[in-house]
Amino acid sequence: MNLDGTDAASQFSLPRLELHAGAGGWTCVCHLPDGTTRPVFAGPAPTAAAAKRAAVEEALRALGGTYERELKTLM
């Protein structure tokens, strides 16, 4: 999910959230505007939608209010 509204499948832009399913549950990485990354959520979730919501909630804390509007539209 590119937070600038561009299609994440066709281009990479920052900031960006990446949500991945794995054997140990869901993981999410927040790629910050300065090029650094921060894991924002890891653990079990019953559905992809639940994992996405938890990741967005964590990203709100990681990014502060700068991208609040964009993140809340993902919930």
Protein backbone atom coordinates (compact mmCIF):
# COMPACT_ATOMS: atom_id res chain seq x y z
CA MET A 1 0.00 0.00 0.00
CA ASN A 2 1.61 3.23 -1.14
CA LEU A 3 0.38 6.00 1.12
CA ASP A 4 0.53 8.58 -1.66
CA GLY A 5 -2.37 6.80 -3.38
CA THR A 6 -0.40 5.29 -6.26
CA ASP A 7 -0.83 1.64 -7.22
CA ALA A 8 1.61 -0.37 -5.11
CA ALA A 9 1.52 -3.23 -7.62
CA SER A 10 2.89 -1.04 -10.40
CA GLN A 11 5.29 1.27 -8.59
CA PHE A 12 7.18 1.69 -5.34
CA SER A 13 6.84 4.97 -3.45
CA LEU A 14 7.40 6.06 0.13
CA PRO A 15 5.90 5.84 2.65
CA ARG A 16 4.57 2.37 2.03
CA LEU A 17 3.12 -0.52 4.05
CA GLU A 18 3.81 -4.09 3.04
CA LEU A 19 1.69 -6.85 4.56
CA HIS A 20 2.88 -10.47 4.25
CA ALA A 21 1.33 -13.78 5.34
CA GLY A 22 3.65 -16.45 6.68
CA ALA A 23 3.74 -19.62 8.73
CA GLY A 24 4.08 -17.59 11.94
CA GLY A 25 1.23 -15.21 11.17
CA TRP A 26 1.20 -11.82 9.51
CA THR A 27 4.06 -9.38 9.27
CA CYS A 28 4.00 -5.78 8.15
CA VAL A 29 6.82 -3.43 7.33
CA CYS A 30 6.44 0.32 7.10
CA HIS A 31 8.88 1.89 4.65
CA LEU A 32 9.31 5.43 5.99
CA PRO A 33 9.78 8.58 3.89
CA ASP A 34 13.47 8.78 4.81
CA GLY A 35 14.14 5.32 3.33
CA THR A 36 14.33 3.45 6.62
CA THR A 37 12.00 0.59 7.50
CA ARG A 38 10.18 -0.30 10.66
CA PRO A 39 8.28 -3.50 11.46
CA VAL A 40 4.87 -2.33 12.61
CA PHE A 41 2.89 -5.52 13.17
CA ALA A 42 3.60 -9.21 13.55
CA GLY A 43 1.43 -12.00 14.78
CA PRO A 44 -1.65 -14.06 14.19
CA ALA A 45 -4.84 -12.59 12.74
CA PRO A 46 -7.92 -14.55 11.67
CA THR A 47 -8.22 -12.83 8.26
CA ALA A 48 -6.26 -10.63 5.88
CA ALA A 49 -8.66 -7.78 6.68
CA ALA A 50 -7.95 -8.11 10.42
CA ALA A 51 -4.20 -8.16 9.77
CA LYS A 52 -4.49 -5.08 7.55
CA ARG A 53 -6.45 -3.19 10.19
CA ALA A 54 -3.94 -4.04 12.92
CA ALA A 55 -1.05 -3.04 10.64
CA VAL A 56 -2.70 0.29 9.82
CA GLU A 57 -3.30 0.99 13.52
CA GLU A 58 0.37 0.32 14.25
CA ALA A 59 1.46 2.43 11.28
CA LEU A 60 -0.56 5.34 12.66
CA ARG A 61 1.63 5.21 15.75
CA ALA A 62 4.83 4.77 13.72
CA LEU A 63 4.17 7.61 11.27
CA GLY A 64 2.45 10.04 13.60
CA GLY A 65 -0.23 12.33 12.27
CA THR A 66 1.43 13.06 8.94
CA TYR A 67 -0.36 10.25 7.06
CA GLU A 68 -3.35 9.85 9.37
CA ARG A 69 -5.94 10.63 6.70
CA GLU A 70 -4.42 8.20 4.18
CA LEU A 71 -4.07 5.45 6.78
CA LYS A 72 -7.60 5.83 8.11
CA THR A 73 -9.00 5.39 4.60
CA LEU A 74 -7.34 1.94 4.55
CA MET A 75 -9.21 0.78 7.65
